Amino acid sequence: MEAALELAATTRSLANLGLREVARHAGLNPNTFYRHFKDFDELGVAMLRDLGTELRAGLRERRMHPAARGFRLSDIGDPATGLDQAQELARESVGLVLDFVMEHREAYTVGIRELHGPSPVMRKAMQDLLEGIARDMTEDLLGVLKLPAITPEEMIEIARVIVRQMVFFSMDYLEQPERHAQIKRQAERFILLLFWGALAARAPELIVQSGLRFPEL
């Protein structure tokens, strides 16, 4: 798997790699490959499964930090304080994703390339991973953190947009190290604006009644 990632992370997709080339790079007999995988699609799916499990677990753990402190988005007595906490949650989640991308640069690059690559198996595996991350987010925000005034249908739509956009933020983060701080800020602001817009659209009367004041971005 490591050899395939190193070779595919340059300019090619996994589907275009040769078995002998990968085996030679790994220092193994080509027949060894078939003891573990039937083809490169199966290898790629295994790679995405391992990385996806690690990323999803890390994101869910990070989202649970506010809940462990007793924070619920539906229990905002002080709007300014509540939104400060929501902003911190967005900041922690964005930071985790971007740190993960940096630590797994080759695997992430290959995975994103396969999202629009020639293999339908890999395309579906990558799409399923992104959908799983979006559904985790929906479950956490509506369940444990109890995000108010947003329906499950709206929440999954927002989560899908966030996950897809984070793909682009992450690629920029890899390719433009001099803009790391700016990209993090843009990602945090993008997420918060989506949620604030959804809350405003669903319950404008709550905003007026509570005198809700958004912290400056």
N, C-alpha and C. Protein backbone atom coordinates (compact mmCIF):
# COMPACT_ATOMS: atom_id res chain seq x y z
N MET A 1 0.83 -1.20 0.00
CA MET A 1 0.00 0.00 0.00
C MET A 1 0.87 1.26 0.00
N GLU A 2 1.91 1.26 0.79
CA GLU A 2 2.80 2.42 0.84
C GLU A 2 3.49 2.65 -0.50
N ALA A 3 3.93 1.58 -1.12
CA ALA A 3 4.60 1.70 -2.42
C ALA A 3 3.65 2.25 -3.48
N ALA A 4 2.43 1.76 -3.49
CA ALA A 4 1.44 2.23 -4.46
C ALA A 4 1.12 3.71 -4.24
N LEU A 5 1.01 4.12 -2.97
CA LEU A 5 0.74 5.52 -2.67
C LEU A 5 1.87 6.42 -3.14
N GLU A 6 3.10 6.00 -2.89
CA GLU A 6 4.25 6.82 -3.29
C GLU A 6 4.29 7.00 -4.79
N LEU A 7 3.98 5.95 -5.54
CA LEU A 7 4.02 6.03 -6.99
C LEU A 7 2.83 6.81 -7.55
N ALA A 8 1.65 6.59 -6.96
CA ALA A 8 0.45 7.24 -7.48
C ALA A 8 0.34 8.70 -7.07
N ALA A 9 1.06 9.11 -6.03
CA ALA A 9 0.95 10.48 -5.53
C ALA A 9 1.60 11.50 -6.44
N THR A 10 2.32 11.05 -7.47
CA THR A 10 2.99 11.99 -8.36
C THR A 10 2.02 12.52 -9.41
N THR A 11 1.74 11.74 -10.44
CA THR A 11 0.87 12.23 -11.52
C THR A 11 -0.16 11.22 -11.99
N ARG A 12 -0.15 10.03 -11.44
CA ARG A 12 -1.01 8.98 -11.98
C ARG A 12 -2.07 8.52 -10.99
N SER A 13 -3.07 7.81 -11.51
CA SER A 13 -4.06 7.19 -10.65
C SER A 13 -3.61 5.78 -10.32
N LEU A 14 -4.22 5.17 -9.32
CA LEU A 14 -3.89 3.80 -8.97
C LEU A 14 -4.14 2.85 -10.13
N ALA A 15 -5.18 3.14 -10.92
CA ALA A 15 -5.55 2.25 -12.02
C ALA A 15 -4.47 2.18 -13.09
N ASN A 16 -3.62 3.19 -13.16
CA ASN A 16 -2.59 3.23 -14.19
C ASN A 16 -1.24 2.66 -13.74
N LEU A 17 -1.18 2.19 -12.50
CA LEU A 17 0.07 1.61 -12.01
C LEU A 17 0.21 0.17 -12.52
N GLY A 18 1.45 -0.25 -12.68
CA GLY A 18 1.72 -1.63 -13.07
C GLY A 18 2.08 -2.47 -11.86
N LEU A 19 1.63 -3.71 -11.86
CA LEU A 19 1.88 -4.59 -10.71
C LEU A 19 3.38 -4.77 -10.48
N ARG A 20 4.12 -5.03 -11.52
CA ARG A 20 5.56 -5.25 -11.36
C ARG A 20 6.26 -3.99 -10.85
N GLU A 21 5.79 -2.85 -11.33
CA GLU A 21 6.37 -1.58 -10.88
C GLU A 21 6.17 -1.39 -9.38
N VAL A 22 4.95 -1.65 -8.92
CA VAL A 22 4.65 -1.48 -7.49
C VAL A 22 5.43 -2.50 -6.66
N ALA A 23 5.47 -3.75 -7.14
CA ALA A 23 6.19 -4.79 -6.41
C ALA A 23 7.68 -4.47 -6.31
N ARG A 24 8.24 -3.98 -7.40
CA ARG A 24 9.66 -3.62 -7.40
C ARG A 24 9.92 -2.47 -6.42
N HIS A 25 9.01 -1.49 -6.40
CA HIS A 25 9.16 -0.35 -5.50
C HIS A 25 9.05 -0.78 -4.04
N ALA A 26 8.23 -1.82 -3.79
CA ALA A 26 8.04 -2.32 -2.43
C ALA A 26 9.10 -3.34 -2.04
N GLY A 27 9.90 -3.79 -3.03
CA GLY A 27 10.91 -4.79 -2.74
C GLY A 27 10.33 -6.17 -2.51
N LEU A 28 9.21 -6.48 -3.22
CA LEU A 28 8.52 -7.76 -3.03
C LEU A 28 8.35 -8.47 -4.37
N ASN A 29 8.11 -9.77 -4.28
CA ASN A 29 7.77 -10.54 -5.48
C ASN A 29 6.37 -10.12 -5.95
N PRO A 30 6.15 -9.92 -7.25
CA PRO A 30 4.83 -9.51 -7.74
C PRO A 30 3.70 -10.41 -7.27
N ASN A 31 3.95 -11.71 -7.12
CA ASN A 31 2.88 -12.62 -6.70
C ASN A 31 2.41 -12.34 -5.27
N THR A 32 3.25 -11.67 -4.49
CA THR A 32 2.88 -11.36 -3.12
C THR A 32 1.64 -10.47 -3.07
N PHE A 33 1.47 -9.63 -4.08
CA PHE A 33 0.33 -8.71 -4.13
C PHE A 33 -0.99 -9.48 -4.01
N TYR A 34 -1.07 -10.59 -4.75
CA TYR A 34 -2.34 -11.32 -4.82
C TYR A 34 -2.65 -12.13 -3.56
N ARG A 35 -1.74 -12.15 -2.61
CA ARG A 35 -2.05 -12.74 -1.32
C ARG A 35 -2.90 -11.79 -0.48
N HIS A 36 -2.92 -10.53 -0.88
CA HIS A 36 -3.62 -9.52 -0.09
C HIS A 36 -4.77 -8.84 -0.86
N PHE A 37 -4.58 -8.62 -2.16
CA PHE A 37 -5.58 -7.90 -2.96
C PHE A 37 -5.76 -8.59 -4.31
N LYS A 38 -6.99 -8.51 -4.81
CA LYS A 38 -7.23 -9.11 -6.13
C LYS A 38 -6.88 -8.15 -7.26
N ASP A 39 -6.92 -6.83 -6.99
CA ASP A 39 -6.55 -5.84 -8.00
C ASP A 39 -6.28 -4.51 -7.30
N PHE A 40 -5.94 -3.49 -8.08
CA PHE A 40 -5.60 -2.19 -7.49
C PHE A 40 -6.82 -1.48 -6.94
N ASP A 41 -7.99 -1.77 -7.47
CA ASP A 41 -9.20 -1.20 -6.90
C ASP A 41 -9.37 -1.65 -5.45
N GLU A 42 -9.16 -2.92 -5.20
CA GLU A 42 -9.31 -3.43 -3.84
C GLU A 42 -8.27 -2.82 -2.91
N LEU A 43 -7.06 -2.63 -3.41
CA LEU A 43 -6.02 -1.97 -2.62
C LEU A 43 -6.44 -0.54 -2.29
N GLY A 44 -6.95 0.19 -3.28
CA GLY A 44 -7.35 1.57 -3.06
C GLY A 44 -8.49 1.69 -2.07
N VAL A 45 -9.46 0.79 -2.16
CA VAL A 45 -10.58 0.81 -1.23
C VAL A 45 -10.10 0.54 0.20
N ALA A 46 -9.15 -0.37 0.35
CA ALA A 46 -8.59 -0.66 1.67
C ALA A 46 -7.86 0.56 2.23
N MET A 47 -7.15 1.25 1.38
CA MET A 47 -6.46 2.46 1.80
C MET A 47 -7.44 3.52 2.29
N LEU A 48 -8.50 3.76 1.51
CA LEU A 48 -9.49 4.75 1.90
C LEU A 48 -10.23 4.35 3.16
N ARG A 49 -10.47 3.06 3.32
CA ARG A 49 -11.15 2.60 4.53
C ARG A 49 -10.32 2.88 5.78
N ASP A 50 -9.03 2.59 5.70
CA ASP A 50 -8.16 2.81 6.86
C ASP A 50 -8.06 4.30 7.20
N LEU A 51 -7.80 5.10 6.20
CA LEU A 51 -7.66 6.53 6.44
C LEU A 51 -8.98 7.17 6.84
N GLY A 52 -10.06 6.74 6.19
CA GLY A 52 -11.37 7.29 6.51
C GLY A 52 -11.79 6.98 7.93
N THR A 53 -11.51 5.77 8.39
CA THR A 53 -11.85 5.40 9.77
C THR A 53 -11.12 6.30 10.76
N GLU A 54 -9.86 6.55 10.51
CA GLU A 54 -9.06 7.40 11.40
C GLU A 54 -9.56 8.85 11.39
N LEU A 55 -9.84 9.38 10.20
CA LEU A 55 -10.30 10.75 10.10
C LEU A 55 -11.67 10.93 10.73
N ARG A 56 -12.61 10.03 10.45
CA ARG A 56 -13.96 10.16 10.99
C ARG A 56 -13.96 10.06 12.51
N ALA A 57 -13.15 9.15 13.05
CA ALA A 57 -13.09 9.01 14.51
C ALA A 57 -12.52 10.28 15.14
N GLY A 58 -11.49 10.84 14.51
CA GLY A 58 -10.89 12.06 15.05
C GLY A 58 -11.85 13.24 15.02
N LEU A 59 -12.60 13.39 13.94
CA LEU A 59 -13.55 14.48 13.82
C LEU A 59 -14.67 14.34 14.85
N ARG A 60 -15.17 13.14 15.02
CA ARG A 60 -16.27 12.94 15.97
C ARG A 60 -15.80 13.20 17.40
N GLU A 61 -14.60 12.78 17.70
CA GLU A 61 -14.06 13.04 19.03
C GLU A 61 -13.92 14.54 19.28
N ARG A 62 -13.45 15.27 18.27
CA ARG A 62 -13.26 16.70 18.40
C ARG A 62 -14.61 17.41 18.58
N ARG A 63 -15.64 16.95 17.86
CA ARG A 63 -16.95 17.57 18.00
C ARG A 63 -17.57 17.29 19.36
N MET A 64 -17.13 16.22 20.01
CA MET A 64 -17.71 15.86 21.31
C MET A 64 -17.10 16.65 22.46
N HIS A 65 -16.00 17.34 22.23
CA HIS A 65 -15.36 18.10 23.32
C HIS A 65 -16.30 19.11 23.95
N PRO A 66 -17.03 19.93 23.15
CA PRO A 66 -17.95 20.87 23.77
C PRO A 66 -19.07 20.17 24.55
N ALA A 67 -19.57 19.06 24.00
CA ALA A 67 -20.64 18.33 24.68
C ALA A 67 -20.17 17.79 26.02
N ALA A 68 -18.92 17.35 26.09
CA ALA A 68 -18.38 16.83 27.35
C ALA A 68 -18.31 17.93 28.41
N ARG A 69 -18.20 19.17 27.96
CA ARG A 69 -18.17 20.29 28.90
C ARG A 69 -19.58 20.78 29.24
N GLY A 70 -20.60 20.08 28.71
CA GLY A 70 -21.98 20.45 29.00
C GLY A 70 -22.56 21.46 28.03
N PHE A 71 -21.84 21.76 26.96
CA PHE A 71 -22.31 22.76 26.01
C PHE A 71 -23.30 22.15 25.02
N ARG A 72 -24.44 22.82 24.84
CA ARG A 72 -25.42 22.44 23.83
C ARG A 72 -25.77 23.67 23.02
N LEU A 73 -25.75 23.55 21.71
CA LEU A 73 -26.08 24.70 20.88
C LEU A 73 -27.53 25.14 21.06
N SER A 74 -28.37 24.24 21.57
CA SER A 74 -29.77 24.60 21.80
C SER A 74 -29.98 25.29 23.13
N ASP A 75 -28.95 25.36 23.96
CA ASP A 75 -29.07 25.93 25.30
C ASP A 75 -28.26 27.21 25.44
N ILE A 76 -28.27 28.02 24.41
CA ILE A 76 -27.47 29.24 24.44
C ILE A 76 -28.21 30.31 25.22
N GLY A 77 -27.83 30.50 26.47
CA GLY A 77 -28.44 31.56 27.25
C GLY A 77 -27.86 32.91 26.88
N ASP A 78 -26.59 32.94 26.62
CA ASP A 78 -25.89 34.15 26.20
C ASP A 78 -25.48 33.95 24.75
N PRO A 79 -26.18 34.57 23.78
CA PRO A 79 -25.90 34.32 22.37
C PRO A 79 -24.45 34.55 21.98
N ALA A 80 -23.84 35.64 22.49
CA ALA A 80 -22.47 35.93 22.10
C ALA A 80 -21.53 34.83 22.58
N THR A 81 -21.73 34.37 23.81
CA THR A 81 -20.90 33.29 24.34
C THR A 81 -21.11 32.01 23.56
N GLY A 82 -22.38 31.71 23.27
CA GLY A 82 -22.69 30.49 22.53
C GLY A 82 -22.05 30.48 21.15
N LEU A 83 -22.09 31.62 20.49
CA LEU A 83 -21.50 31.68 19.15
C LEU A 83 -19.98 31.65 19.21
N ASP A 84 -19.41 32.18 20.27
CA ASP A 84 -17.97 32.04 20.45
C ASP A 84 -17.59 30.57 20.56
N GLN A 85 -18.41 29.80 21.28
CA GLN A 85 -18.15 28.36 21.44
C GLN A 85 -18.35 27.64 20.12
N ALA A 86 -19.37 28.04 19.37
CA ALA A 86 -19.60 27.42 18.05
C ALA A 86 -18.43 27.71 17.12
N GLN A 87 -17.88 28.93 17.21
CA GLN A 87 -16.74 29.28 16.38
C GLN A 87 -15.52 28.45 16.76
N GLU A 88 -15.35 28.21 18.06
CA GLU A 88 -14.24 27.38 18.52
C GLU A 88 -14.39 25.95 18.01
N LEU A 89 -15.62 25.45 17.98
CA LEU A 89 -15.88 24.11 17.46
C LEU A 89 -15.50 24.02 15.98
N ALA A 90 -15.87 25.03 15.21
CA ALA A 90 -15.51 25.06 13.79
C ALA A 90 -13.99 25.12 13.63
N ARG A 91 -13.35 25.92 14.47
CA ARG A 91 -11.89 26.07 14.39
C ARG A 91 -11.19 24.75 14.68
N GLU A 92 -11.65 24.02 15.70
CA GLU A 92 -11.03 22.75 16.05
C GLU A 92 -11.22 21.72 14.94
N SER A 93 -12.41 21.68 14.36
CA SER A 93 -12.69 20.70 13.31
C SER A 93 -11.87 20.99 12.06
N VAL A 94 -11.80 22.25 11.66
CA VAL A 94 -11.00 22.63 10.50
C VAL A 94 -9.53 22.29 10.73
N GLY A 95 -9.04 22.61 11.93
CA GLY A 95 -7.65 22.33 12.25
C GLY A 95 -7.34 20.86 12.18
N LEU A 96 -8.26 20.02 12.67
CA LEU A 96 -8.03 18.58 12.63
C LEU A 96 -7.95 18.08 11.20
N VAL A 97 -8.86 18.51 10.35
CA VAL A 97 -8.87 18.06 8.95
C VAL A 97 -7.57 18.47 8.25
N LEU A 98 -7.18 19.72 8.41
CA LEU A 98 -5.99 20.20 7.71
C LEU A 98 -4.71 19.57 8.26
N ASP A 99 -4.65 19.35 9.56
CA ASP A 99 -3.49 18.65 10.12
C ASP A 99 -3.42 17.21 9.59
N PHE A 100 -4.58 16.56 9.51
CA PHE A 100 -4.66 15.19 9.00
C PHE A 100 -4.18 15.12 7.56
N VAL A 101 -4.60 16.09 6.77
CA VAL A 101 -4.20 16.15 5.36
C VAL A 101 -2.68 16.28 5.24
N MET A 102 -2.09 17.13 6.07
CA MET A 102 -0.63 17.31 6.02
C MET A 102 0.10 16.03 6.43
N GLU A 103 -0.44 15.32 7.41
CA GLU A 103 0.21 14.10 7.90
C GLU A 103 0.05 12.94 6.92
N HIS A 104 -0.97 12.99 6.06
CA HIS A 104 -1.25 11.91 5.10
C HIS A 104 -1.31 12.49 3.69
N ARG A 105 -0.33 13.29 3.36
CA ARG A 105 -0.32 14.03 2.10
C ARG A 105 -0.50 13.12 0.88
N GLU A 106 0.28 12.04 0.80
CA GLU A 106 0.23 11.18 -0.38
C GLU A 106 -1.12 10.50 -0.50
N ALA A 107 -1.61 9.95 0.61
CA ALA A 107 -2.89 9.24 0.57
C ALA A 107 -4.03 10.20 0.23
N TYR A 108 -3.98 11.39 0.78
CA TYR A 108 -5.05 12.36 0.50
C TYR A 108 -5.02 12.77 -0.96
N THR A 109 -3.84 13.03 -1.49
CA THR A 109 -3.72 13.43 -2.89
C THR A 109 -4.27 12.35 -3.82
N VAL A 110 -3.90 11.11 -3.53
CA VAL A 110 -4.40 9.99 -4.35
C VAL A 110 -5.91 9.87 -4.22
N GLY A 111 -6.42 9.97 -3.00
CA GLY A 111 -7.86 9.83 -2.78
C GLY A 111 -8.66 10.88 -3.53
N ILE A 112 -8.22 12.13 -3.49
CA ILE A 112 -8.94 13.20 -4.19
C ILE A 112 -8.85 13.00 -5.69
N ARG A 113 -7.70 12.55 -6.18
CA ARG A 113 -7.58 12.29 -7.62
C ARG A 113 -8.54 11.19 -8.04
N GLU A 114 -8.69 10.18 -7.20
CA GLU A 114 -9.57 9.05 -7.56
C GLU A 114 -11.04 9.45 -7.50
N LEU A 115 -11.37 10.55 -6.82
CA LEU A 115 -12.75 11.02 -6.77
C LEU A 115 -13.28 11.30 -8.17
N HIS A 116 -12.38 11.68 -9.07
CA HIS A 116 -12.77 11.94 -10.47
C HIS A 116 -11.91 11.10 -11.42
N GLY A 117 -11.41 9.97 -10.93
CA GLY A 117 -10.53 9.13 -11.72
C GLY A 117 -11.26 8.13 -12.59
N PRO A 118 -10.51 7.25 -13.26
CA PRO A 118 -11.09 6.32 -14.22
C PRO A 118 -11.79 5.11 -13.59
N SER A 119 -11.52 4.83 -12.32
CA SER A 119 -12.08 3.63 -11.70
C SER A 119 -13.42 3.92 -11.03
N PRO A 120 -14.51 3.32 -11.49
CA PRO A 120 -15.81 3.53 -10.83
C PRO A 120 -15.82 3.00 -9.39
N VAL A 121 -15.04 1.96 -9.13
CA VAL A 121 -14.97 1.42 -7.77
C VAL A 121 -14.35 2.43 -6.82
N MET A 122 -13.25 3.05 -7.25
CA MET A 122 -12.60 4.03 -6.40
C MET A 122 -13.42 5.31 -6.29
N ARG A 123 -14.07 5.71 -7.36
CA ARG A 123 -14.92 6.90 -7.30
C ARG A 123 -16.02 6.70 -6.26
N LYS A 124 -16.63 5.54 -6.29
CA LYS A 124 -17.71 5.27 -5.33
C LYS A 124 -17.17 5.19 -3.90
N ALA A 125 -15.99 4.58 -3.72
CA ALA A 125 -15.41 4.47 -2.38
C ALA A 125 -15.13 5.86 -1.81
N MET A 126 -14.63 6.76 -2.65
CA MET A 126 -14.34 8.12 -2.19
C MET A 126 -15.63 8.89 -1.92
N GLN A 127 -16.62 8.72 -2.76
CA GLN A 127 -17.91 9.37 -2.55
C GLN A 127 -18.56 8.87 -1.26
N ASP A 128 -18.44 7.56 -1.02
CA ASP A 128 -19.01 6.99 0.21
C ASP A 128 -18.31 7.53 1.45
N LEU A 129 -17.00 7.74 1.35
CA LEU A 129 -16.26 8.29 2.48
C LEU A 129 -16.73 9.71 2.79
N LEU A 130 -16.85 10.55 1.77
CA LEU A 130 -17.32 11.91 1.99
C LEU A 130 -18.74 11.94 2.53
N GLU A 131 -19.57 11.05 2.03
CA GLU A 131 -20.95 10.98 2.53
C GLU A 131 -20.97 10.54 3.99
N GLY A 132 -20.10 9.60 4.35
CA GLY A 132 -20.04 9.14 5.73
C GLY A 132 -19.63 10.25 6.67
N ILE A 133 -18.66 11.08 6.26
CA ILE A 133 -18.23 12.20 7.09
C ILE A 133 -19.38 13.19 7.26
N ALA A 134 -20.14 13.45 6.19
CA ALA A 134 -21.27 14.37 6.27
C ALA A 134 -22.35 13.83 7.20
N ARG A 135 -22.61 12.55 7.15
CA ARG A 135 -23.64 11.96 8.01
C ARG A 135 -23.19 11.95 9.48
N ASP A 136 -21.91 11.73 9.71
CA ASP A 136 -21.39 11.84 11.08
C ASP A 136 -21.65 13.24 11.64
N MET A 137 -21.33 14.25 10.82
CA MET A 137 -21.52 15.63 11.24
C MET A 137 -22.98 15.91 11.57
N THR A 138 -23.87 15.43 10.70
CA THR A 138 -25.29 15.64 10.91
C THR A 138 -25.76 15.00 12.22
N GLU A 139 -25.35 13.78 12.45
CA GLU A 139 -25.75 13.06 13.66
C GLU A 139 -25.24 13.77 14.92
N ASP A 140 -24.00 14.23 14.87
CA ASP A 140 -23.42 14.88 16.05
C ASP A 140 -24.08 16.21 16.35
N LEU A 141 -24.28 17.04 15.32
CA LEU A 141 -24.82 18.37 15.55
C LEU A 141 -26.29 18.35 15.92
N LEU A 142 -27.05 17.42 15.36
CA LEU A 142 -28.47 17.33 15.70
C LEU A 142 -28.71 16.50 16.95
N GLY A 143 -27.77 15.58 17.25
CA GLY A 143 -27.96 14.69 18.40
C GLY A 143 -27.34 15.24 19.66
N VAL A 144 -26.05 15.07 19.79
CA VAL A 144 -25.38 15.43 21.04
C VAL A 144 -25.37 16.94 21.27
N LEU A 145 -25.03 17.71 20.23
CA LEU A 145 -24.95 19.16 20.41
C LEU A 145 -26.30 19.86 20.22
N LYS A 146 -27.27 19.15 19.65
CA LYS A 146 -28.64 19.63 19.53
C LYS A 146 -28.72 21.01 18.87
N LEU A 147 -28.21 21.09 17.66
CA LEU A 147 -28.26 22.33 16.91
C LEU A 147 -29.72 22.73 16.69
N PRO A 148 -30.11 23.94 17.11
CA PRO A 148 -31.52 24.32 17.05
C PRO A 148 -31.94 24.83 15.68
N ALA A 149 -33.25 24.75 15.41
CA ALA A 149 -33.91 25.42 14.28
C ALA A 149 -33.49 24.93 12.90
N ILE A 150 -32.78 23.81 12.81
CA ILE A 150 -32.41 23.26 11.51
C ILE A 150 -32.91 21.83 11.43
N THR A 151 -33.59 21.49 10.34
CA THR A 151 -34.14 20.16 10.17
C THR A 151 -33.04 19.18 9.76
N PRO A 152 -33.26 17.88 9.97
CA PRO A 152 -32.27 16.88 9.52
C PRO A 152 -31.97 16.98 8.03
N GLU A 153 -33.00 17.29 7.23
CA GLU A 153 -32.80 17.40 5.78
C GLU A 153 -31.90 18.59 5.44
N GLU A 154 -32.10 19.69 6.13
CA GLU A 154 -31.25 20.85 5.90
C GLU A 154 -29.83 20.60 6.41
N MET A 155 -29.74 19.91 7.54
CA MET A 155 -28.43 19.68 8.14
C MET A 155 -27.56 18.81 7.24
N ILE A 156 -28.12 17.75 6.64
CA ILE A 156 -27.31 16.89 5.79
C ILE A 156 -26.88 17.64 4.53
N GLU A 157 -27.73 18.53 4.03
CA GLU A 157 -27.34 19.33 2.87
C GLU A 157 -26.17 20.25 3.22
N ILE A 158 -26.25 20.90 4.38
CA ILE A 158 -25.17 21.78 4.82
C ILE A 158 -23.89 20.97 5.02
N ALA A 159 -24.01 19.82 5.66
CA ALA A 159 -22.83 18.98 5.93
C ALA A 159 -22.16 18.54 4.63
N ARG A 160 -22.95 18.17 3.63
CA ARG A 160 -22.37 17.75 2.35
C ARG A 160 -21.63 18.90 1.68
N VAL A 161 -22.18 20.10 1.75
CA VAL A 161 -21.50 21.26 1.16
C VAL A 161 -20.19 21.52 1.89
N ILE A 162 -20.21 21.44 3.22
CA ILE A 162 -18.99 21.68 4.00
C ILE A 162 -17.92 20.66 3.65
N VAL A 163 -18.29 19.39 3.61
CA VAL A 163 -17.32 18.33 3.32
C VAL A 163 -16.72 18.51 1.94
N ARG A 164 -17.55 18.80 0.96
CA ARG A 164 -17.04 19.00 -0.40
C ARG A 164 -16.12 20.22 -0.48
N GLN A 165 -16.51 21.30 0.17
CA GLN A 165 -15.68 22.49 0.12
C GLN A 165 -14.36 22.28 0.84
N MET A 166 -14.36 21.48 1.91
CA MET A 166 -13.12 21.22 2.63
C MET A 166 -12.12 20.47 1.76
N VAL A 167 -12.60 19.75 0.76
CA VAL A 167 -11.69 19.10 -0.19
C VAL A 167 -10.84 20.15 -0.89
N PHE A 168 -11.47 21.24 -1.32
CA PHE A 168 -10.74 22.30 -2.03
C PHE A 168 -9.85 23.08 -1.07
N PHE A 169 -10.36 23.39 0.12
CA PHE A 169 -9.52 24.07 1.10
C PHE A 169 -8.28 23.23 1.42
N SER A 170 -8.47 21.93 1.51
CA SER A 170 -7.36 21.04 1.86
C SER A 170 -6.30 20.99 0.77
N MET A 171 -6.74 20.95 -0.48
CA MET A 171 -5.77 20.95 -1.57
C MET A 171 -4.98 22.25 -1.61
N ASP A 172 -5.67 23.37 -1.38
CA ASP A 172 -4.97 24.66 -1.31
C ASP A 172 -3.97 24.65 -0.15
N TYR A 173 -4.36 24.05 0.94
CA TYR A 173 -3.51 23.99 2.13
C TYR A 173 -2.23 23.21 1.84
N LEU A 174 -2.35 22.13 1.08
CA LEU A 174 -1.17 21.34 0.71
C LEU A 174 -0.25 22.09 -0.24
N GLU A 175 -0.84 22.81 -1.17
CA GLU A 175 -0.07 23.42 -2.24
C GLU A 175 0.42 24.83 -1.93
N GLN A 176 -0.14 25.47 -0.89
CA GLN A 176 0.21 26.86 -0.60
C GLN A 176 0.55 27.03 0.88
N PRO A 177 1.67 26.51 1.30
CA PRO A 177 2.03 26.58 2.73
C PRO A 177 2.13 28.01 3.25
N GLU A 178 2.45 28.95 2.38
CA GLU A 178 2.57 30.34 2.83
C GLU A 178 1.21 30.94 3.19
N ARG A 179 0.11 30.28 2.82
CA ARG A 179 -1.24 30.78 3.10
C ARG A 179 -1.98 29.95 4.14
N HIS A 180 -1.27 29.15 4.91
CA HIS A 180 -1.93 28.26 5.86
C HIS A 180 -2.90 28.99 6.78
N ALA A 181 -2.46 30.05 7.41
CA ALA A 181 -3.32 30.77 8.35
C ALA A 181 -4.55 31.34 7.64
N GLN A 182 -4.36 31.89 6.47
CA GLN A 182 -5.46 32.47 5.72
C GLN A 182 -6.47 31.41 5.29
N ILE A 183 -5.99 30.26 4.84
CA ILE A 183 -6.89 29.18 4.41
C ILE A 183 -7.70 28.66 5.59
N LYS A 184 -7.07 28.50 6.74
CA LYS A 184 -7.80 28.07 7.93
C LYS A 184 -8.92 29.05 8.26
N ARG A 185 -8.60 30.32 8.21
CA ARG A 185 -9.58 31.36 8.51
C ARG A 185 -10.73 31.31 7.52
N GLN A 186 -10.43 31.15 6.24
CA GLN A 186 -11.48 31.08 5.22
C GLN A 186 -12.39 29.89 5.44
N ALA A 187 -11.81 28.74 5.79
CA ALA A 187 -12.61 27.54 6.02
C ALA A 187 -13.53 27.71 7.22
N GLU A 188 -13.00 28.25 8.31
CA GLU A 188 -13.82 28.49 9.50
C GLU A 188 -14.97 29.44 9.19
N ARG A 189 -14.67 30.51 8.49
CA ARG A 189 -15.69 31.51 8.15
C ARG A 189 -16.75 30.93 7.23
N PHE A 190 -16.33 30.11 6.28
CA PHE A 190 -17.28 29.47 5.36
C PHE A 190 -18.27 28.61 6.13
N ILE A 191 -17.79 27.81 7.07
CA ILE A 191 -18.65 26.93 7.85
C ILE A 191 -19.63 27.73 8.70
N LEU A 192 -19.13 28.73 9.39
CA LEU A 192 -19.99 29.52 10.27
C LEU A 192 -21.05 30.28 9.49
N LEU A 193 -20.69 30.83 8.33
CA LEU A 193 -21.66 31.55 7.53
C LEU A 193 -22.79 30.64 7.05
N LEU A 194 -22.46 29.40 6.72
CA LEU A 194 -23.51 28.46 6.31
C LEU A 194 -24.50 28.22 7.44
N PHE A 195 -23.97 27.98 8.64
CA PHE A 195 -24.85 27.71 9.77
C PHE A 195 -25.64 28.95 10.19
N TRP A 196 -25.00 30.09 10.21
CA TRP A 196 -25.71 31.30 10.59
C TRP A 196 -26.81 31.62 9.59
N GLY A 197 -26.53 31.40 8.32
CA GLY A 197 -27.55 31.64 7.31
C GLY A 197 -28.73 30.70 7.45
N ALA A 198 -28.44 29.43 7.75
CA ALA A 198 -29.53 28.46 7.94
C ALA A 198 -30.36 28.80 9.17
N LEU A 199 -29.69 29.19 10.25
CA LEU A 199 -30.42 29.56 11.47
C LEU A 199 -31.29 30.80 11.23
N ALA A 200 -30.75 31.77 10.52
CA ALA A 200 -31.50 32.99 10.24
C ALA A 200 -32.72 32.70 9.37
N ALA A 201 -32.55 31.81 8.39
CA ALA A 201 -33.65 31.48 7.48
C ALA A 201 -34.75 30.71 8.20
N ARG A 202 -34.37 29.84 9.14
CA ARG A 202 -35.35 29.01 9.83
C ARG A 202 -36.06 29.72 10.97
N ALA A 203 -35.34 30.60 11.65
CA ALA A 203 -35.95 31.18 12.86
C ALA A 203 -35.56 32.65 13.04
N PRO A 204 -35.94 33.52 12.13
CA PRO A 204 -35.57 34.93 12.28
C PRO A 204 -36.14 35.56 13.54
N GLU A 205 -37.31 35.05 13.97
CA GLU A 205 -37.91 35.63 15.18
C GLU A 205 -37.07 35.38 16.42
N LEU A 206 -36.33 34.25 16.45
CA LEU A 206 -35.46 33.97 17.59
C LEU A 206 -34.31 34.96 17.64
N ILE A 207 -33.81 35.33 16.47
CA ILE A 207 -32.71 36.27 16.40
C ILE A 207 -33.15 37.64 16.93
N VAL A 208 -34.35 38.06 16.50
CA VAL A 208 -34.87 39.36 16.93
C VAL A 208 -35.15 39.36 18.42
N GLN A 209 -35.83 38.30 18.90
CA GLN A 209 -36.23 38.23 20.30
C GLN A 209 -35.04 38.17 21.25
N SER A 210 -34.00 37.46 20.85
CA SER A 210 -32.87 37.27 21.75
C SER A 210 -31.81 38.36 21.62
N GLY A 211 -31.99 39.25 20.62
CA GLY A 211 -30.97 40.27 20.40
C GLY A 211 -29.65 39.66 20.00
N LEU A 212 -29.71 38.59 19.21
CA LEU A 212 -28.51 37.82 18.84
C LEU A 212 -27.46 38.71 18.20
N ARG A 213 -26.26 38.65 18.72
CA ARG A 213 -25.15 39.44 18.19
C ARG A 213 -24.06 38.50 17.74
N PHE A 214 -23.75 38.49 16.44
CA PHE A 214 -22.72 37.62 15.91
C PHE A 214 -21.34 38.19 16.23
N PRO A 215 -20.40 37.36 16.66
CA PRO A 215 -19.03 37.84 16.85
C PRO A 215 -18.42 38.21 15.51
N GLU A 216 -17.56 39.20 15.51
CA GLU A 216 -16.93 39.66 14.27
C GLU A 216 -16.00 38.60 13.72
N LEU A 217 -16.10 38.33 12.41
CA LEU A 217 -15.23 37.33 11.76
C LEU A 217 -13.90 37.96 11.38
